[in-house]
Amino acid sequence: MSDRNPIAKIIECLIFVSETPLTIGEICNFLKDIEKKEITEAVGELERHWEEMGRSFTLSSVAGGYQFRTRPEYSQYIVEFNKEIKKFRLSKASLEVLAIVAYEQPITKTEVEKIRGVDCSSSVSVLLEKKFIEIAGRKEVPGRPFLYKTTSLFLETFGLKNIKDLPTVKEIEKIKEDFREQ
């Protein structure tokens, strides 16, 4: 990163202290006197800079914003060092419900249950509590059931820029095939 780009340094500080991924829009709202194009270029410069340095953490584009994240190959050391950092655990049923919501959103609980073939009230409650899904409105049918969708925390947790980054069915089949061959 050029020592001549104070805007990149300001943005770097903002991303560093933000608890959630910081979007270009949020940066623009804070740095009102700076053009969006200049901010976008500075973020690109920061991404390149952190990638080139090869540090144990990197500037990642997740959940529509930017956040410093530990490279996956070093996460085990953080967990060992700080026992307070715990990996979240979801049951197989909750993961299935989460996958259905992610791929079919917005979707009602009844529609999820039709796909799974069993009641999913408990899993929906857990996913709402952990903030992986949220209510996206109501479906315009009798009873007006809630519609559910994934949240930016879901994207952040699974390292996705947006929902379009989810693997396709073909990609999942390839992963399963590769796993069986090992």
C-alpha atoms as a PDB file:
ATOM      1  CA  MET A   1       0.000   0.000   0.000  1.00  0.00           C
ATOM      2  CA  SER A   2       1.318   3.372  -0.927  1.00  0.00           C
ATOM      3  CA  ASP A   3       2.327   5.637   1.930  1.00  0.00           C
ATOM      4  CA  ARG A   4       0.725   8.386  -0.143  1.00  0.00           C
ATOM      5  CA  ASN A   5      -2.824   7.029   0.189  1.00  0.00           C
ATOM      6  CA  PRO A   6      -4.204   8.268   3.496  1.00  0.00           C
ATOM      7  CA  ILE A   7      -7.744   7.295   2.418  1.00  0.00           C
ATOM      8  CA  ALA A   8      -6.746   3.611   2.281  1.00  0.00           C
ATOM      9  CA  LYS A   9      -5.246   3.920   5.758  1.00  0.00           C
ATOM     10  CA  ILE A  10      -8.434   5.515   7.120  1.00  0.00           C
ATOM     11  CA  ILE A  11     -10.564   2.768   5.546  1.00  0.00           C
ATOM     12  CA  GLU A  12      -8.211   0.120   6.922  1.00  0.00           C
ATOM     13  CA  CYS A  13      -8.729   1.514  10.438  1.00  0.00           C
ATOM     14  CA  LEU A  14     -12.500   1.606  10.014  1.00  0.00           C
ATOM     15  CA  ILE A  15     -12.620  -2.015   8.823  1.00  0.00           C
ATOM     16  CA  PHE A  16     -10.308  -3.070  11.635  1.00  0.00           C
ATOM     17  CA  VAL A  17     -12.533  -1.654  14.404  1.00  0.00           C
ATOM     18  CA  SER A  18     -15.878  -2.620  12.885  1.00  0.00           C
ATOM     19  CA  GLU A  19     -17.560  -5.593  14.574  1.00  0.00           C
ATOM     20  CA  THR A  20     -19.318  -6.560  11.343  1.00  0.00           C
ATOM     21  CA  PRO A  21     -18.238  -6.510   7.690  1.00  0.00           C
ATOM     22  CA  LEU A  22     -18.131  -2.878   6.537  1.00  0.00           C
ATOM     23  CA  THR A  23     -19.785  -2.164   3.194  1.00  0.00           C
ATOM     24  CA  ILE A  24     -18.618   0.372   0.618  1.00  0.00           C
ATOM     25  CA  GLY A  25     -21.889   2.235   1.249  1.00  0.00           C
ATOM     26  CA  GLU A  26     -21.195   2.466   4.979  1.00  0.00           C
ATOM     27  CA  ILE A  27     -17.684   3.732   4.300  1.00  0.00           C
ATOM     28  CA  CYS A  28     -19.083   6.311   1.846  1.00  0.00           C
ATOM     29  CA  ASN A  29     -21.647   7.445   4.437  1.00  0.00           C
ATOM     30  CA  PHE A  30     -18.865   7.990   6.961  1.00  0.00           C
ATOM     31  CA  LEU A  31     -16.347   9.564   4.558  1.00  0.00           C
ATOM     32  CA  LYS A  32     -18.873  11.920   2.942  1.00  0.00           C
ATOM     33  CA  ASP A  33     -16.279  14.130   1.236  1.00  0.00           C
ATOM     34  CA  ILE A  34     -14.669  11.270  -0.677  1.00  0.00           C
ATOM     35  CA  GLU A  35     -16.032   9.922  -3.970  1.00  0.00           C
ATOM     36  CA  LYS A  36     -17.323   6.330  -4.025  1.00  0.00           C
ATOM     37  CA  LYS A  37     -14.921   5.511  -6.885  1.00  0.00           C
ATOM     38  CA  GLU A  38     -11.946   6.636  -4.792  1.00  0.00           C
ATOM     39  CA  ILE A  39     -13.166   4.562  -1.820  1.00  0.00           C
ATOM     40  CA  THR A  40     -13.674   1.480  -4.006  1.00  0.00           C
ATOM     41  CA  GLU A  41     -10.167   1.857  -5.453  1.00  0.00           C
ATOM     42  CA  ALA A  42      -8.691   2.246  -1.958  1.00  0.00           C
ATOM     43  CA  VAL A  43     -10.456  -0.926  -0.774  1.00  0.00           C
ATOM     44  CA  GLY A  44      -9.089  -2.794  -3.809  1.00  0.00           C
ATOM     45  CA  GLU A  45      -5.622  -1.504  -2.980  1.00  0.00           C
ATOM     46  CA  LEU A  46      -6.028  -2.723   0.607  1.00  0.00           C
ATOM     47  CA  GLU A  47      -7.163  -6.173  -0.541  1.00  0.00           C
ATOM     48  CA  ARG A  48      -4.119  -6.511  -2.797  1.00  0.00           C
ATOM     49  CA  HIS A  49      -1.804  -5.208  -0.081  1.00  0.00           C
ATOM     50  CA  TRP A  50      -3.003  -7.681   2.564  1.00  0.00           C
ATOM     51  CA  GLU A  51      -2.930 -10.579   0.096  1.00  0.00           C
ATOM     52  CA  GLU A  52       0.629  -9.754  -1.011  1.00  0.00           C
ATOM     53  CA  MET A  53       1.856  -9.568   2.581  1.00  0.00           C
ATOM     54  CA  GLY A  54       0.849 -13.189   3.186  1.00  0.00           C
ATOM     55  CA  ARG A  55       0.015 -12.528   6.833  1.00  0.00           C
ATOM     56  CA  SER A  56      -1.952 -14.881   9.082  1.00  0.00           C
ATOM     57  CA  PHE A  57      -5.040 -12.788   8.441  1.00  0.00           C
ATOM     58  CA  THR A  58      -6.443 -11.150   5.340  1.00  0.00           C
ATOM     59  CA  LEU A  59      -8.963  -8.572   4.234  1.00  0.00           C
ATOM     60  CA  SER A  60     -11.960 -10.575   3.015  1.00  0.00           C
ATOM     61  CA  SER A  61     -15.115  -9.650   1.166  1.00  0.00           C
ATOM     62  CA  VAL A  62     -17.936 -11.286   3.147  1.00  0.00           C
ATOM     63  CA  ALA A  63     -21.649 -10.630   3.630  1.00  0.00           C
ATOM     64  CA  GLY A  64     -21.566  -7.677   1.237  1.00  0.00           C
ATOM     65  CA  GLY A  65     -18.775  -5.905   3.111  1.00  0.00           C
ATOM     66  CA  TYR A  66     -15.133  -6.146   4.137  1.00  0.00           C
ATOM     67  CA  GLN A  67     -13.634  -7.640   7.286  1.00  0.00           C
ATOM     68  CA  PHE A  68     -10.237  -8.754   8.521  1.00  0.00           C
ATOM     69  CA  ARG A  69     -10.343 -12.513   8.999  1.00  0.00           C
ATOM     70  CA  THR A  70      -7.874 -15.126  10.142  1.00  0.00           C
ATOM     71  CA  ARG A  71      -6.772 -17.409   7.354  1.00  0.00           C
ATOM     72  CA  PRO A  72      -8.417 -20.814   7.863  1.00  0.00           C
ATOM     73  CA  GLU A  73      -5.087 -22.621   8.225  1.00  0.00           C
ATOM     74  CA  TYR A  74      -4.400 -20.652  11.445  1.00  0.00           C
ATOM     75  CA  SER A  75      -7.806 -20.835  13.137  1.00  0.00           C
ATOM     76  CA  GLN A  76      -6.886 -23.952  15.187  1.00  0.00           C
ATOM     77  CA  TYR A  77      -4.204 -21.954  17.015  1.00  0.00           C
ATOM     78  CA  ILE A  78      -6.654 -19.265  18.019  1.00  0.00           C
ATOM     79  CA  VAL A  79      -9.057 -21.862  19.377  1.00  0.00           C
ATOM     80  CA  GLU A  80      -6.287 -23.552  21.354  1.00  0.00           C
ATOM     81  CA  PHE A  81      -4.952 -20.242  22.683  1.00  0.00           C
ATOM     82  CA  ASN A  82      -8.273 -18.759  23.646  1.00  0.00           C
ATOM     83  CA  LYS A  83     -10.746 -21.364  24.867  1.00  0.00           C
ATOM     84  CA  GLU A  84     -13.481 -18.717  24.832  1.00  0.00           C
ATOM     85  CA  ILE A  85     -13.522 -18.853  21.034  1.00  0.00           C
ATOM     86  CA  LYS A  86     -15.765 -21.803  20.336  1.00  0.00           C
ATOM     87  CA  LYS A  87     -16.901 -23.175  17.032  1.00  0.00           C
ATOM     88  CA  PHE A  88     -20.654 -23.064  16.744  1.00  0.00           C
ATOM     89  CA  ARG A  89     -22.390 -26.399  16.503  1.00  0.00           C
ATOM     90  CA  LEU A  90     -25.625 -27.030  14.687  1.00  0.00           C
ATOM     91  CA  SER A  91     -27.465 -30.329  14.633  1.00  0.00           C
ATOM     92  CA  LYS A  92     -27.819 -32.196  11.357  1.00  0.00           C
ATOM     93  CA  ALA A  93     -31.516 -31.225  11.316  1.00  0.00           C
ATOM     94  CA  SER A  94     -30.686 -27.524  11.793  1.00  0.00           C
ATOM     95  CA  LEU A  95     -28.065 -27.672   9.041  1.00  0.00           C
ATOM     96  CA  GLU A  96     -30.619 -29.268   6.711  1.00  0.00           C
ATOM     97  CA  VAL A  97     -33.175 -26.551   7.486  1.00  0.00           C
ATOM     98  CA  LEU A  98     -30.517 -23.858   7.033  1.00  0.00           C
ATOM     99  CA  ALA A  99     -29.544 -25.297   3.644  1.00  0.00           C
ATOM    100  CA  ILE A 100     -33.178 -25.402   2.505  1.00  0.00           C
ATOM    101  CA  VAL A 101     -33.748 -21.798   3.598  1.00  0.00           C
ATOM    102  CA  ALA A 102     -30.507 -20.687   1.930  1.00  0.00           C
ATOM    103  CA  TYR A 103     -31.362 -22.268  -1.420  1.00  0.00           C
ATOM    104  CA  GLU A 104     -35.128 -21.640  -1.459  1.00  0.00           C
ATOM    105  CA  GLN A 105     -35.474 -18.277   0.315  1.00  0.00           C
ATOM    106  CA  PRO A 106     -37.794 -16.694   1.070  1.00  0.00           C
ATOM    107  CA  ILE A 107     -39.609 -19.794   2.313  1.00  0.00           C
ATOM    108  CA  THR A 108     -42.205 -20.671   4.959  1.00  0.00           C
ATOM    109  CA  LYS A 109     -41.706 -23.220   7.737  1.00  0.00           C
ATOM    110  CA  THR A 110     -44.432 -25.389   6.176  1.00  0.00           C
ATOM    111  CA  GLU A 111     -42.601 -25.366   2.830  1.00  0.00           C
ATOM    112  CA  VAL A 112     -39.365 -26.399   4.588  1.00  0.00           C
ATOM    113  CA  GLU A 113     -41.254 -29.207   6.344  1.00  0.00           C
ATOM    114  CA  LYS A 114     -42.663 -30.407   3.002  1.00  0.00           C
ATOM    115  CA  ILE A 115     -39.122 -30.682   1.633  1.00  0.00           C
ATOM    116  CA  ARG A 116     -37.707 -32.385   4.743  1.00  0.00           C
ATOM    117  CA  GLY A 117     -40.780 -34.489   5.495  1.00  0.00           C
ATOM    118  CA  VAL A 118     -40.671 -33.764   9.238  1.00  0.00           C
ATOM    119  CA  ASP A 119     -41.463 -30.972  11.689  1.00  0.00           C
ATOM    120  CA  CYS A 120     -38.744 -28.314  11.836  1.00  0.00           C
ATOM    121  CA  SER A 121     -40.078 -25.952  14.527  1.00  0.00           C
ATOM    122  CA  SER A 122     -37.130 -26.581  16.848  1.00  0.00           C
ATOM    123  CA  SER A 123     -34.535 -26.056  14.104  1.00  0.00           C
ATOM    124  CA  VAL A 124     -36.185 -22.838  12.935  1.00  0.00           C
ATOM    125  CA  SER A 125     -36.167 -21.555  16.539  1.00  0.00           C
ATOM    126  CA  VAL A 126     -32.460 -22.405  16.951  1.00  0.00           C
ATOM    127  CA  LEU A 127     -31.550 -20.748  13.626  1.00  0.00           C
ATOM    128  CA  LEU A 128     -33.535 -17.615  14.537  1.00  0.00           C
ATOM    129  CA  GLU A 129     -31.885 -17.517  17.977  1.00  0.00           C
ATOM    130  CA  LYS A 130     -28.390 -17.887  16.465  1.00  0.00           C
ATOM    131  CA  LYS A 131     -29.357 -15.204  13.904  1.00  0.00           C
ATOM    132  CA  PHE A 132     -28.572 -17.378  10.866  1.00  0.00           C
ATOM    133  CA  ILE A 133     -32.104 -16.803   9.541  1.00  0.00           C
ATOM    134  CA  GLU A 134     -34.617 -14.021   9.999  1.00  0.00           C
ATOM    135  CA  ILE A 135     -38.231 -13.260   9.188  1.00  0.00           C
ATOM    136  CA  ALA A 136     -38.449 -11.762   5.699  1.00  0.00           C
ATOM    137  CA  GLY A 137     -42.152 -10.906   5.797  1.00  0.00           C
ATOM    138  CA  ARG A 138     -45.362 -12.869   5.414  1.00  0.00           C
ATOM    139  CA  LYS A 139     -46.594 -14.972   2.518  1.00  0.00           C
ATOM    140  CA  GLU A 140     -49.793 -13.666   0.924  1.00  0.00           C
ATOM    141  CA  VAL A 141     -51.833 -16.840   1.504  1.00  0.00           C
ATOM    142  CA  PRO A 142     -54.476 -17.718   4.112  1.00  0.00           C
ATOM    143  CA  GLY A 143     -52.923 -17.602   7.577  1.00  0.00           C
ATOM    144  CA  ARG A 144     -50.136 -15.324   6.285  1.00  0.00           C
ATOM    145  CA  PRO A 145     -47.234 -17.514   7.509  1.00  0.00           C
ATOM    146  CA  PHE A 146     -43.805 -16.038   8.088  1.00  0.00           C
ATOM    147  CA  LEU A 147     -41.246 -16.164   5.297  1.00  0.00           C
ATOM    148  CA  TYR A 148     -37.667 -16.894   6.306  1.00  0.00           C
ATOM    149  CA  LYS A 149     -34.363 -15.915   4.704  1.00  0.00           C
ATOM    150  CA  THR A 150     -30.691 -16.127   5.639  1.00  0.00           C
ATOM    151  CA  THR A 151     -28.912 -13.205   7.300  1.00  0.00           C
ATOM    152  CA  SER A 152     -25.633 -11.434   6.739  1.00  0.00           C
ATOM    153  CA  LEU A 153     -24.326 -13.375   9.779  1.00  0.00           C
ATOM    154  CA  PHE A 154     -24.968 -16.575   7.785  1.00  0.00           C
ATOM    155  CA  LEU A 155     -22.911 -15.161   4.903  1.00  0.00           C
ATOM    156  CA  GLU A 156     -20.186 -13.985   7.259  1.00  0.00           C
ATOM    157  CA  THR A 157     -19.999 -17.290   9.153  1.00  0.00           C
ATOM    158  CA  PHE A 158     -19.754 -19.363   5.997  1.00  0.00           C
ATOM    159  CA  GLY A 159     -17.380 -16.918   4.268  1.00  0.00           C
ATOM    160  CA  LEU A 160     -19.751 -16.026   1.414  1.00  0.00           C
ATOM    161  CA  LYS A 161     -19.833 -12.665  -0.373  1.00  0.00           C
ATOM    162  CA  ASN A 162     -23.501 -13.184  -1.218  1.00  0.00           C
ATOM    163  CA  ILE A 163     -26.042 -15.961  -1.516  1.00  0.00           C
ATOM    164  CA  LYS A 164     -25.039 -16.554  -5.151  1.00  0.00           C
ATOM    165  CA  ASP A 165     -21.724 -17.955  -3.836  1.00  0.00           C
ATOM    166  CA  LEU A 166     -23.480 -21.079  -2.527  1.00  0.00           C
ATOM    167  CA  PRO A 167     -22.300 -24.189  -4.370  1.00  0.00           C
ATOM    168  CA  THR A 168     -24.549 -25.566  -7.102  1.00  0.00           C
ATOM    169  CA  VAL A 169     -25.960 -29.090  -6.945  1.00  0.00           C
ATOM    170  CA  LYS A 170     -23.295 -30.191  -9.459  1.00  0.00           C
ATOM    171  CA  GLU A 171     -20.531 -28.702  -7.303  1.00  0.00           C
ATOM    172  CA  ILE A 172     -21.907 -30.450  -4.212  1.00  0.00           C
ATOM    173  CA  GLU A 173     -22.035 -33.785  -6.063  1.00  0.00           C
ATOM    174  CA  LYS A 174     -18.410 -33.292  -7.172  1.00  0.00           C
ATOM    175  CA  ILE A 175     -17.339 -32.569  -3.577  1.00  0.00           C
ATOM    176  CA  LYS A 176     -19.158 -35.696  -2.360  1.00  0.00           C
ATOM    177  CA  GLU A 177     -17.562 -37.762  -5.121  1.00  0.00           C
ATOM    178  CA  ASP A 178     -14.083 -36.439  -4.299  1.00  0.00           C
ATOM    179  CA  PHE A 179     -14.664 -37.131  -0.605  1.00  0.00           C
ATOM    180  CA  ARG A 180     -15.679 -40.762  -1.301  1.00  0.00           C
ATOM    181  CA  GLU A 181     -12.499 -41.291  -3.340  1.00  0.00           C
ATOM    182  CA  GLN A 182     -10.271 -40.299  -0.405  1.00  0.00           C
END
